[in-house]
């Protein structure tokens, strides 16, 4: 009986363990919009931001149309932080882009991320538990996850709500740069659901 219960528990277990703040960030390798192979380990020693995106999502549009996301990317780059945009939309789903479309999106939005990663099979998204666009993560130079969750404390799609919002990502980056633990270290991401395949 005990063996049967154990087997049932194993079958019911999720394919990926949920990421935890303070634990090593899940390793990954992906293809960028430019066709390059990018691994998290490539950036050992640098702080890394992961941003889940979907250009059709009004919550993502809020942060790009207002210029908020681009400003965060530029500030991060100026401080030596690596910004990786991740698209986990599956083929045929809202937000899906191939390399050419991703590069066109970057040009349209005048973005400055280090790479735009194509996660069509959803492996990276599921490993990180990414549930919304945008869903944000901050990883320190030792590869430890320091923040995960919402971009800010205004869970709306209204452009005007960017002004005056508490930006959790910039707060986390400032804390990590100062050698401190971000507070909050985890929040609930808001936005559109990530459009994973079956």
Protein backbone atom coordinates (compact mmCIF):
# COMPACT_ATOMS: atom_id res chain seq x y z
CA UNK A 1 0.00 0.00 0.00
CA UNK A 2 2.80 2.38 0.91
CA UNK A 3 4.54 1.66 -2.41
CA UNK A 4 1.31 2.39 -4.32
CA UNK A 5 0.90 5.72 -2.54
CA UNK A 6 4.50 6.64 -3.31
CA UNK A 7 4.01 5.83 -6.99
CA UNK A 8 0.83 7.90 -7.10
CA UNK A 9 2.68 10.83 -5.52
CA UNK A 10 5.45 10.57 -8.09
CA UNK A 11 2.99 10.51 -10.97
CA UNK A 12 1.20 13.56 -9.61
CA UNK A 13 4.43 15.52 -9.09
CA UNK A 14 4.93 18.51 -11.39
CA UNK A 15 7.48 18.25 -14.18
CA UNK A 16 9.39 21.24 -12.80
CA UNK A 17 10.08 22.22 -9.21
CA UNK A 18 8.96 25.77 -8.49
CA UNK A 19 11.85 28.24 -8.42
CA UNK A 20 12.67 29.73 -5.03
CA UNK A 21 14.15 33.08 -4.10
CA UNK A 22 17.53 32.47 -2.49
CA UNK A 23 18.09 29.25 -4.46
CA UNK A 24 20.03 28.79 -7.72
CA UNK A 25 18.06 30.03 -10.72
CA UNK A 26 17.11 27.27 -13.18
CA UNK A 27 19.78 26.84 -15.85
CA UNK A 28 18.73 27.19 -19.47
CA UNK A 29 19.96 27.42 -23.04
CA UNK A 30 17.88 29.03 -25.79
CA UNK A 31 18.07 30.45 -29.29
CA UNK A 32 17.89 34.21 -29.60
CA UNK A 33 16.05 36.21 -32.25
CA UNK A 34 19.42 36.61 -33.95
CA UNK A 35 19.92 32.84 -34.10
CA UNK A 36 22.60 32.75 -31.40
CA UNK A 37 22.72 30.19 -28.61
CA UNK A 38 22.34 31.86 -25.22
CA UNK A 39 22.81 30.19 -21.83
CA UNK A 40 22.27 31.66 -18.39
CA UNK A 41 25.76 30.44 -17.50
CA UNK A 42 27.18 32.80 -20.15
CA UNK A 43 26.50 35.66 -17.75
CA UNK A 44 28.02 34.26 -14.58
CA UNK A 45 29.32 37.15 -12.51
CA UNK A 46 26.66 39.56 -13.80
CA UNK A 47 23.19 40.38 -12.58
CA UNK A 48 20.55 39.12 -15.01
CA UNK A 49 16.94 40.23 -15.52
CA UNK A 50 14.46 37.90 -17.20
CA UNK A 51 11.36 39.53 -18.69
CA UNK A 52 8.50 37.44 -20.11
CA UNK A 53 6.78 39.17 -23.01
CA UNK A 54 3.87 38.96 -25.45
CA UNK A 55 3.37 41.98 -27.72
CA UNK A 56 -0.38 41.31 -27.96
CA UNK A 57 -0.87 41.60 -24.21
CA UNK A 58 -2.24 44.99 -23.05
CA UNK A 59 -0.26 44.72 -19.81
CA UNK A 60 2.98 44.38 -21.80
CA UNK A 61 1.86 47.22 -24.07
CA UNK A 62 1.36 49.40 -20.99
CA UNK A 63 5.04 49.19 -20.13
CA UNK A 64 6.33 49.53 -23.68
CA UNK A 65 4.00 52.27 -24.93
CA UNK A 66 4.79 54.33 -21.83
CA UNK A 67 8.53 53.78 -22.34
CA UNK A 68 8.81 52.24 -18.88
CA UNK A 69 10.28 48.90 -20.00
CA UNK A 70 12.80 50.57 -22.30
CA UNK A 71 13.91 52.90 -19.49
CA UNK A 72 14.42 49.93 -17.17
CA UNK A 73 16.43 48.13 -19.85
CA UNK A 74 18.67 51.16 -20.46
CA UNK A 75 19.27 51.74 -16.75
CA UNK A 76 20.09 48.06 -16.28
CA UNK A 77 22.55 48.04 -19.18
CA UNK A 78 24.24 51.21 -17.88
CA UNK A 79 24.85 49.40 -14.59
CA UNK A 80 26.25 46.27 -16.24
CA UNK A 81 23.10 44.19 -15.82
CA UNK A 82 22.16 41.73 -18.56
CA UNK A 83 18.53 41.96 -19.69
CA UNK A 84 17.00 38.93 -21.41
CA UNK A 85 13.51 39.11 -22.87
CA UNK A 86 11.80 35.70 -23.11
CA UNK A 87 8.87 34.81 -25.34
CA UNK A 88 7.20 31.50 -24.44
CA UNK A 89 4.19 31.84 -26.76
CA UNK A 90 3.68 28.62 -28.68
CA UNK A 91 3.14 28.52 -32.46
CA UNK A 92 -0.40 29.56 -33.29
CA UNK A 93 -0.89 31.34 -29.95
CA UNK A 94 -1.07 35.07 -29.23
CA UNK A 95 2.36 36.68 -29.10
CA UNK A 96 4.19 33.97 -31.05
CA UNK A 97 7.09 35.37 -33.07
CA UNK A 98 9.90 33.89 -35.10
CA UNK A 99 13.34 35.47 -35.16
CA UNK A 100 12.53 38.04 -37.84
CA UNK A 101 9.31 39.13 -36.13
CA UNK A 102 11.09 39.36 -32.76
CA UNK A 103 13.78 41.61 -34.28
CA UNK A 104 11.08 43.77 -35.87
CA UNK A 105 9.37 44.03 -32.46
CA UNK A 106 12.65 45.12 -30.86
CA UNK A 107 13.17 47.78 -33.53
CA UNK A 108 9.58 49.02 -33.23
CA UNK A 109 9.87 49.39 -29.47
CA UNK A 110 13.47 50.70 -29.54
CA UNK A 111 14.56 48.16 -26.95
CA UNK A 112 18.05 47.52 -25.59
CA UNK A 113 17.92 44.03 -24.12
CA UNK A 114 21.03 41.85 -24.44
CA UNK A 115 18.97 39.17 -26.20
CA UNK A 116 15.39 38.25 -27.10
CA UNK A 117 14.99 34.52 -26.41
CA UNK A 118 12.57 32.28 -28.31
CA UNK A 119 11.12 29.70 -25.91
CA UNK A 120 8.49 28.21 -28.22
CA UNK A 121 8.43 24.87 -26.40
CA UNK A 122 7.95 26.65 -23.06
CA UNK A 123 10.81 24.86 -21.31
CA UNK A 124 12.31 27.99 -19.81
CA UNK A 125 8.95 29.47 -18.88
CA UNK A 126 7.81 26.31 -17.13
CA UNK A 127 11.16 25.92 -15.34
CA UNK A 128 10.71 29.40 -13.91
CA UNK A 129 6.99 29.09 -13.29
CA UNK A 130 6.36 32.11 -15.52
CA UNK A 131 2.60 32.61 -15.50
CA UNK A 132 2.03 36.11 -16.83
CA UNK A 133 3.31 38.69 -19.25
CA UNK A 134 5.18 40.53 -17.99
CA UNK A 135 6.67 38.20 -15.36
CA UNK A 136 10.00 39.44 -14.02
CA UNK A 137 13.00 37.76 -12.40
CA UNK A 138 16.30 39.11 -11.04
CA UNK A 139 19.29 36.78 -10.74
CA UNK A 140 22.52 37.83 -9.05
CA UNK A 141 26.06 37.27 -10.28
CA UNK A 142 26.32 33.98 -8.40
CA UNK A 143 23.32 32.61 -10.27
CA UNK A 144 20.96 32.94 -7.30
CA UNK A 145 17.36 34.03 -7.86
CA UNK A 146 16.81 37.23 -5.88
CA UNK A 147 13.43 38.50 -7.07
CA UNK A 148 10.45 37.10 -8.96
CA UNK A 149 7.01 38.46 -9.67
CA UNK A 150 5.34 41.64 -10.86
CA UNK A 151 7.10 44.57 -12.48
CA UNK A 152 5.36 47.00 -10.11
CA UNK A 153 2.53 47.45 -7.64
CA UNK A 154 -0.11 48.72 -10.10
CA UNK A 155 -1.78 45.60 -11.62
CA UNK A 156 -3.61 47.40 -14.42
CA UNK A 157 -3.20 47.88 -18.17
CA UNK A 158 -3.50 51.68 -17.87
CA UNK A 159 -0.51 53.65 -19.16
CA UNK A 160 -1.14 56.41 -16.63
CA UNK A 161 -0.61 53.96 -13.77
CA UNK A 162 3.09 53.62 -14.59
CA UNK A 163 3.70 57.03 -13.08
CA UNK A 164 3.80 56.83 -9.32
CA UNK A 165 4.01 53.03 -9.21
CA UNK A 166 6.56 51.30 -7.00
CA UNK A 167 8.81 49.47 -9.44
CA UNK A 168 9.81 46.17 -7.91
CA UNK A 169 12.43 45.38 -10.57
CA UNK A 170 14.43 48.57 -10.12
CA UNK A 171 14.12 48.14 -6.37
CA UNK A 172 15.46 44.60 -6.58
CA UNK A 173 18.33 45.66 -8.84
CA UNK A 174 19.30 48.44 -6.44
CA UNK A 175 19.22 46.04 -3.51
CA UNK A 176 21.35 43.42 -5.28
CA UNK A 177 23.87 46.09 -6.31
CA UNK A 178 24.12 47.13 -2.65
CA UNK A 179 24.58 43.53 -1.53
CA UNK A 180 21.20 43.45 0.17
CA UNK A 181 18.16 41.19 -0.14
CA UNK A 182 15.34 42.76 -2.17
CA UNK A 183 12.18 43.57 -0.25
CA UNK A 184 9.76 42.36 -1.39
CA UNK A 185 11.63 39.40 -2.85
CA UNK A 186 8.54 37.77 -4.37
CA UNK A 187 5.24 39.20 -5.53
CA UNK A 188 2.34 37.98 -7.63
CA UNK A 189 2.89 38.71 -11.31
CA UNK A 190 0.02 40.35 -13.13
CA UNK A 191 -0.84 40.43 -16.84
CA UNK A 192 -1.94 38.02 -19.55
CA UNK A 193 -1.38 34.30 -19.13
CA UNK A 194 1.71 32.91 -20.82
CA UNK A 195 0.50 31.21 -24.00
CA UNK A 196 2.13 27.81 -23.62
CA UNK A 197 1.46 24.99 -26.05
CA UNK A 198 -0.34 21.79 -25.08
